[in-house]
Protein backbone atom coordinates (compact mmCIF):
# COMPACT_ATOMS: atom_id res chain seq x y z
CA MET A 1 102.85 141.39 55.52
CA LYS A 2 99.30 140.26 56.09
CA ARG A 3 99.28 137.43 54.37
CA SER A 4 101.83 136.09 56.98
CA LYS A 5 100.31 137.45 59.73
CA LYS A 6 96.87 135.99 58.17
CA TYR A 7 98.79 132.24 57.83
CA ILE A 8 100.31 132.72 61.09
CA LEU A 9 97.18 133.36 63.05
CA ILE A 10 95.43 130.83 61.10
CA GLY A 11 98.03 128.23 61.80
CA PHE A 12 97.70 129.50 66.08
CA LEU A 13 93.82 129.14 65.59
CA GLY A 14 94.37 125.54 64.42
CA ALA A 15 97.04 124.52 66.97
CA LEU A 16 94.02 126.08 69.41
CA ALA A 17 91.50 123.79 68.00
CA VAL A 18 93.78 120.40 68.07
CA SER A 19 94.79 121.00 71.47
CA SER A 20 91.12 121.50 72.46
CA ILE A 21 90.32 117.95 70.50
CA LEU A 22 93.03 116.01 72.71
CA MET A 23 92.37 117.73 75.90
CA THR A 24 88.68 116.58 75.41
CA VAL A 25 89.81 113.64 74.29
CA ALA A 26 91.94 112.76 77.13
CA THR A 27 89.53 114.01 79.50
CA ALA A 28 86.80 111.34 77.77
CA THR A 29 89.42 108.69 78.29
CA SER A 30 90.34 109.72 81.84
CA GLY A 31 86.58 109.66 82.48
CA VAL A 32 86.00 106.00 81.56
CA GLU A 33 88.95 105.01 83.33
CA VAL A 34 87.38 106.27 86.91
CA ALA A 35 84.01 104.83 86.10
CA LYS A 36 86.07 101.34 85.45
CA LEU A 37 87.70 101.98 88.67
CA GLN A 38 85.01 102.95 90.42
CA LYS A 39 82.68 100.03 89.19
CA GLU A 40 85.90 97.58 90.89
CA GLU A 41 86.11 98.96 93.75
CA ALA A 42 81.90 98.54 94.30
CA THR A 43 83.11 94.60 93.30
CA LEU A 44 86.25 93.85 95.35
CA THR A 45 83.54 96.01 98.70
CA ASP A 46 81.26 93.04 97.87
CA GLN A 47 84.12 90.01 97.82
CA LYS A 48 84.95 92.25 100.70
CA ARG A 49 81.78 91.79 102.61
CA TYR A 50 80.82 88.43 101.63
CA LEU A 51 84.44 87.24 102.69
CA GLU A 52 83.99 88.81 106.02
CA ASN A 53 80.50 87.50 106.40
CA MET A 54 81.93 83.94 105.55
CA LEU A 55 84.59 84.24 108.07
CA VAL A 56 82.03 85.12 110.61
CA LYS A 57 79.95 82.19 110.21
CA THR A 58 82.70 79.79 110.01
CA LEU A 59 84.38 80.63 113.28
CA SER A 60 80.48 80.94 114.92
CA MET A 61 80.47 78.36 117.59
CA ASN A 62 77.95 76.27 116.10
CA GLU A 63 79.84 75.52 113.17
CA LEU A 64 82.96 74.83 115.34
CA GLN A 65 80.60 72.44 116.85
CA GLU A 66 79.30 71.06 113.90
CA LYS A 67 82.53 70.65 111.67
CA SER A 68 84.31 68.81 115.10
CA GLY A 69 81.51 66.36 115.40
CA SER A 70 82.30 65.51 112.00
CA LEU A 71 86.22 65.24 112.58
CA GLY A 72 85.73 62.78 115.02
CA TYR A 73 85.77 65.27 118.46
CA ALA A 74 83.34 64.64 121.26
CA ARG A 75 82.24 66.48 123.88
CA PRO A 76 83.61 64.87 127.36
CA THR A 77 81.36 62.90 129.36
CA ASN A 78 83.28 63.18 132.59
CA LEU A 79 85.19 65.91 133.34
CA VAL A 80 88.18 65.05 136.07
CA TYR A 81 89.72 68.48 137.78
CA VAL A 82 93.49 68.40 139.44
CA THR A 83 94.23 69.79 142.35
CA PRO A 84 97.47 71.25 143.24
CA PRO A 85 99.73 69.41 145.40
CA GLU A 86 99.61 70.67 148.98
CA ALA A 87 102.96 71.93 150.19
CA VAL A 88 104.68 68.95 152.35
CA ALA A 89 106.19 71.74 155.09
CA LYS A 90 104.20 74.91 155.85
CA LEU A 91 105.26 77.86 157.37
CA PRO A 92 103.46 78.36 160.85
């Protein structure tokens, strides 16, 4: 009877040791995944900042003027303003 209790206790302690090892491995694995995701987040944040800077640079007025000039558009030399027509029959 004492031997069976001893084997049960040893089996229980062995199961606890194995579960502890498995939990440690799972924790280490999730830690590696978290580190990988943090690195990916930093990379994506840098990419976003770069793309935002490129967008601002591309949409700046000087860039647009240079691009329009290279496409053949030019600033008008003389402007013509058209006034709305006068009413034919005005009320007094």
